[in-house]
N, C-alpha and C. Protein backbone atom coordinates (compact mmCIF):
# COMPACT_ATOMS: atom_id res chain seq x y z
N MET A 1 -26.73 89.93 -112.57
CA MET A 1 -28.33 90.27 -113.64
C MET A 1 -27.68 91.05 -115.17
N ASN A 2 -28.15 91.19 -116.12
CA ASN A 2 -27.89 91.29 -117.57
C ASN A 2 -28.38 92.67 -117.62
N LEU A 3 -27.48 93.43 -117.83
CA LEU A 3 -27.86 95.03 -118.65
C LEU A 3 -28.30 95.12 -120.18
N SER A 4 -28.68 95.86 -120.90
CA SER A 4 -28.62 96.13 -122.04
C SER A 4 -27.43 96.78 -122.50
N PRO A 5 -26.71 97.28 -123.59
CA PRO A 5 -25.25 97.89 -124.11
C PRO A 5 -25.39 99.52 -123.53
N LYS A 6 -27.24 100.25 -123.71
CA LYS A 6 -27.56 101.33 -123.32
C LYS A 6 -27.36 101.95 -121.72
N MET A 7 -27.43 100.23 -121.15
CA MET A 7 -27.36 100.38 -119.32
C MET A 7 -26.04 100.70 -119.52
N ARG A 8 -25.39 99.44 -120.01
CA ARG A 8 -23.72 99.28 -118.83
C ARG A 8 -23.31 100.75 -120.11
N GLY A 9 -23.32 101.26 -120.68
CA GLY A 9 -23.11 102.42 -121.37
C GLY A 9 -23.35 104.10 -120.33
N ALA A 10 -24.85 103.81 -120.09
CA ALA A 10 -24.93 105.62 -118.83
C ALA A 10 -24.10 104.89 -117.60
N MET A 11 -23.88 103.39 -117.43
CA MET A 11 -23.53 103.56 -116.20
C MET A 11 -21.78 103.77 -116.14
N ARG A 12 -21.18 103.77 -117.76
CA ARG A 12 -19.62 103.72 -117.30
C ARG A 12 -19.75 105.40 -117.53
N GLN A 13 -20.83 105.98 -118.39
CA GLN A 13 -20.64 107.48 -118.23
C GLN A 13 -20.55 108.06 -116.70
N MET A 14 -21.34 107.46 -115.96
CA MET A 14 -21.44 107.93 -115.34
C MET A 14 -20.29 107.90 -113.90
N ARG A 15 -19.50 106.76 -114.04
CA ARG A 15 -18.69 106.37 -113.74
C ARG A 15 -17.49 106.98 -113.82
N ASP A 16 -16.91 107.49 -115.08
CA ASP A 16 -15.87 108.95 -116.03
C ASP A 16 -16.00 109.90 -116.05
N GLN A 17 -17.50 110.33 -115.74
CA GLN A 17 -18.25 112.01 -116.16
C GLN A 17 -18.67 112.02 -114.92
N GLY A 18 -19.19 110.98 -113.69
CA GLY A 18 -20.20 112.04 -112.84
C GLY A 18 -21.46 111.45 -113.10
N ASP A 19 -22.39 112.13 -112.39
CA ASP A 19 -24.19 112.02 -112.73
C ASP A 19 -24.73 112.66 -114.26
N LEU A 20 -25.36 111.89 -114.66
CA LEU A 20 -26.62 112.26 -115.52
C LEU A 20 -27.54 112.96 -115.84
N VAL A 21 -27.10 114.14 -116.12
CA VAL A 21 -28.11 115.08 -116.15
C VAL A 21 -29.45 115.16 -117.02
N ARG A 22 -30.97 115.32 -117.07
CA ARG A 22 -32.34 115.41 -117.85
C ARG A 22 -31.66 116.85 -118.48
N LEU A 23 -31.59 117.14 -119.36
CA LEU A 23 -31.90 118.23 -120.73
C LEU A 23 -33.45 118.03 -120.46
N SER A 24 -33.62 119.51 -121.42
CA SER A 24 -35.01 119.63 -121.54
C SER A 24 -35.36 118.73 -123.37
N GLY A 25 -36.67 118.40 -123.60
CA GLY A 25 -36.43 117.58 -124.62
C GLY A 25 -36.02 116.00 -124.20
N GLY A 26 -36.14 115.85 -123.14
CA GLY A 26 -35.67 114.20 -122.41
C GLY A 26 -34.45 113.61 -122.25
N TRP A 27 -33.14 114.06 -123.14
CA TRP A 27 -32.33 113.18 -123.02
C TRP A 27 -31.52 113.74 -121.72
N TRP A 28 -30.62 112.21 -121.99
CA TRP A 28 -30.16 111.94 -120.67
C TRP A 28 -28.32 112.11 -120.73
N THR A 29 -27.60 113.52 -120.28
CA THR A 29 -26.28 113.03 -120.91
C THR A 29 -25.12 113.41 -119.01
N TYR A 30 -24.25 113.60 -119.82
CA TYR A 30 -22.92 114.00 -118.86
C TYR A 30 -23.10 115.53 -118.83
N ARG A 31 -22.47 116.31 -117.60
CA ARG A 31 -22.45 117.49 -118.08
C ARG A 31 -21.49 118.49 -118.71
N GLY A 32 -21.83 118.94 -119.39
CA GLY A 32 -20.81 119.63 -120.11
C GLY A 32 -20.51 118.90 -121.11
N CYS A 33 -21.76 117.76 -121.62
CA CYS A 33 -21.45 117.20 -123.14
C CYS A 33 -21.78 118.16 -124.23
N GLU A 34 -21.22 118.29 -124.98
CA GLU A 34 -21.25 118.51 -126.61
C GLU A 34 -22.51 118.49 -127.31
N PHE A 35 -22.45 119.70 -128.39
CA PHE A 35 -24.37 118.79 -129.15
C PHE A 35 -23.77 118.60 -130.33
N LYS A 36 -24.66 118.25 -131.15
CA LYS A 36 -24.25 117.89 -132.56
C LYS A 36 -25.16 118.96 -133.34
N PRO A 37 -24.51 119.32 -134.23
CA PRO A 37 -24.48 120.89 -134.71
C PRO A 37 -26.42 120.17 -135.90
N LYS A 38 -26.65 121.50 -135.78
CA LYS A 38 -28.65 120.64 -135.67
C LYS A 38 -29.00 120.48 -137.37
N ALA A 39 -29.49 119.72 -137.05
CA ALA A 39 -30.28 119.35 -138.37
C ALA A 39 -30.21 120.59 -139.76
N TYR A 40 -31.43 121.29 -139.21
CA TYR A 40 -32.16 122.69 -139.20
C TYR A 40 -32.78 123.32 -139.00
N ILE A 41 -32.63 124.41 -138.71
CA ILE A 41 -33.42 125.48 -137.88
C ILE A 41 -34.85 124.83 -137.00
N GLY A 42 -34.83 125.22 -135.84
CA GLY A 42 -35.80 124.30 -135.12
C GLY A 42 -35.81 123.20 -135.07
N SER A 43 -34.44 122.47 -135.17
CA SER A 43 -34.71 121.65 -134.41
C SER A 43 -33.83 121.33 -133.93
N PRO A 44 -33.91 119.96 -132.40
CA PRO A 44 -33.97 120.13 -131.12
C PRO A 44 -32.22 120.23 -131.02
N ALA A 45 -31.60 121.01 -129.79
CA ALA A 45 -29.85 120.63 -129.69
C ALA A 45 -30.32 118.66 -129.32
N VAL A 46 -29.28 118.17 -129.98
CA VAL A 46 -29.04 116.96 -129.44
C VAL A 46 -27.76 116.50 -128.67
N PRO A 47 -27.26 115.82 -127.88
CA PRO A 47 -26.08 116.01 -127.28
C PRO A 47 -25.78 114.96 -127.48
N ILE A 48 -23.97 114.89 -128.34
CA ILE A 48 -23.14 114.14 -128.56
C ILE A 48 -23.43 112.78 -128.48
N TRP A 49 -23.54 112.52 -127.29
CA TRP A 49 -23.88 111.61 -126.34
C TRP A 49 -25.19 111.74 -125.08
N TYR A 50 -25.89 110.25 -125.23
CA TYR A 50 -27.03 110.24 -124.76
C TYR A 50 -28.08 109.45 -124.07
N VAL A 51 -27.99 108.92 -123.33
CA VAL A 51 -29.58 108.17 -123.68
C VAL A 51 -30.61 108.71 -122.89
N GLU A 52 -31.85 107.55 -123.02
CA GLU A 52 -33.43 107.75 -123.50
C GLU A 52 -33.44 107.52 -121.54
N ALA A 53 -35.14 108.41 -121.70
CA ALA A 53 -35.65 108.21 -120.17
C ALA A 53 -35.93 106.51 -119.29
N HIS A 54 -36.17 105.97 -121.05
CA HIS A 54 -36.78 104.23 -120.82
C HIS A 54 -35.34 103.62 -119.98
N THR A 55 -34.31 104.01 -120.40
CA THR A 55 -32.84 103.12 -120.06
C THR A 55 -32.52 104.16 -118.57
N ILE A 56 -32.72 105.27 -118.14
CA ILE A 56 -32.47 105.40 -116.81
C ILE A 56 -33.76 104.74 -115.99
N LYS A 57 -34.43 105.03 -116.31
CA LYS A 57 -35.95 104.15 -115.48
C LYS A 57 -35.15 103.10 -114.90
N ALA A 58 -35.08 101.82 -115.95
CA ALA A 58 -34.66 100.75 -115.91
C ALA A 58 -33.15 100.80 -114.96
N LEU A 59 -32.69 101.39 -115.21
CA LEU A 59 -31.35 101.57 -113.80
C LEU A 59 -31.80 101.47 -112.72
N LEU A 60 -33.02 102.87 -112.55
CA LEU A 60 -33.71 102.82 -111.35
C LEU A 60 -34.27 101.48 -110.35
N ARG A 61 -34.89 100.90 -111.87
CA ARG A 61 -35.89 99.81 -111.14
C ARG A 61 -34.99 98.81 -110.18
N ARG A 62 -33.43 99.07 -110.97
CA ARG A 62 -32.57 97.42 -110.48
C ARG A 62 -31.53 98.06 -109.09
N GLU A 63 -31.89 99.46 -108.96
CA GLU A 63 -30.98 99.94 -108.06
C GLU A 63 -30.02 100.29 -107.48
N LEU A 64 -29.22 100.13 -109.11
CA LEU A 64 -28.44 100.16 -109.48
C LEU A 64 -27.40 102.14 -109.64
N VAL A 65 -28.75 102.76 -109.84
CA VAL A 65 -28.59 103.99 -109.34
C VAL A 65 -29.75 105.00 -108.65
N SER A 66 -29.78 105.98 -108.46
CA SER A 66 -29.95 106.85 -107.38
C SER A 66 -30.44 108.40 -108.11
N GLY A 67 -31.56 109.13 -107.50
CA GLY A 67 -31.84 110.50 -108.40
C GLY A 67 -33.31 110.45 -108.87
N SER A 68 -33.41 111.54 -109.38
CA SER A 68 -34.94 112.10 -109.41
C SER A 68 -35.31 112.09 -111.51
N MET A 69 -35.62 111.90 -111.68
CA MET A 69 -36.42 111.63 -113.06
C MET A 69 -36.91 112.83 -113.23
N GLY A 70 -37.08 113.95 -112.79
CA GLY A 70 -38.53 115.06 -112.82
C GLY A 70 -37.20 115.86 -114.35
N PHE A 71 -37.66 117.16 -114.01
CA PHE A 71 -36.64 118.12 -115.01
C PHE A 71 -36.53 119.48 -114.22
N PRO A 72 -35.30 119.69 -113.66
CA PRO A 72 -34.08 119.39 -114.51
C PRO A 72 -33.46 118.62 -113.38
N GLY A 73 -33.66 117.18 -114.03
CA GLY A 73 -33.75 115.70 -113.02
C GLY A 73 -31.71 115.36 -112.93
N SER A 74 -31.13 114.74 -112.44
CA SER A 74 -29.65 114.04 -112.27
C SER A 74 -29.96 112.90 -111.52
N VAL A 75 -29.29 112.08 -111.83
CA VAL A 75 -28.78 110.67 -110.68
C VAL A 75 -27.77 109.98 -111.18
N THR A 76 -27.19 109.20 -110.02
CA THR A 76 -25.75 108.41 -109.87
C THR A 76 -25.84 107.58 -109.94
N LEU A 77 -24.71 106.72 -109.44
CA LEU A 77 -24.19 105.43 -109.31
C LEU A 77 -24.75 105.23 -107.80
N THR A 78 -25.28 104.04 -107.34
CA THR A 78 -25.47 104.18 -105.70
C THR A 78 -24.15 102.92 -105.63
N GLU A 79 -24.14 101.92 -104.52
CA GLU A 79 -22.93 101.26 -104.53
C GLU A 79 -23.26 99.76 -104.89
N ALA A 80 -24.14 100.17 -105.17
CA ALA A 80 -25.04 98.42 -106.27
C ALA A 80 -24.40 98.96 -107.66
N GLY A 81 -24.08 99.66 -107.94
CA GLY A 81 -24.23 99.91 -109.47
C GLY A 81 -22.37 99.93 -109.86
N VAL A 82 -21.65 100.65 -108.25
CA VAL A 82 -20.31 100.71 -108.60
C VAL A 82 -19.60 99.58 -108.55
N ARG A 83 -20.36 98.57 -107.59
CA ARG A 83 -20.01 96.59 -107.48
C ARG A 83 -20.48 95.97 -108.52
N TRP A 84 -21.56 96.68 -109.54
CA TRP A 84 -21.36 96.05 -110.59
C TRP A 84 -20.98 96.26 -111.82
N LEU A 85 -19.78 97.17 -112.06
CA LEU A 85 -19.10 97.60 -112.78
C LEU A 85 -17.81 97.16 -112.53
N ILE A 86 -17.47 97.17 -111.25
CA ILE A 86 -15.84 96.53 -110.84
C ILE A 86 -16.32 94.66 -111.20
N GLU A 87 -17.55 94.35 -110.93
CA GLU A 87 -17.43 93.05 -111.06
C GLU A 87 -17.73 92.71 -112.68
N ARG A 88 -18.48 93.75 -113.45
CA ARG A 88 -18.61 93.00 -114.94
C ARG A 88 -18.52 93.96 -115.90
N GLY A 89 -18.15 95.64 -115.22
CA GLY A 89 -18.19 96.45 -116.23
C GLY A 89 -17.49 96.08 -117.53
């Protein structure tokens, strides 16, 4: 099974940091991730590392992660996801 670079990156973050959480604004990042400085007053806070919802949905469809897409949501690697990382990570 081929995965995009963003999908592989999200799985590696889950392996290294634990689960990924959904923030307001739709960003998926790891717990405790720092935020970039705001570009201007009123702009959204953007984590220094994140993936978008479509990346998480694709991993859920492939059953490489499990969890909830809602807000607040969180996802973790499944056994299949861990195995994929060991074999191809």
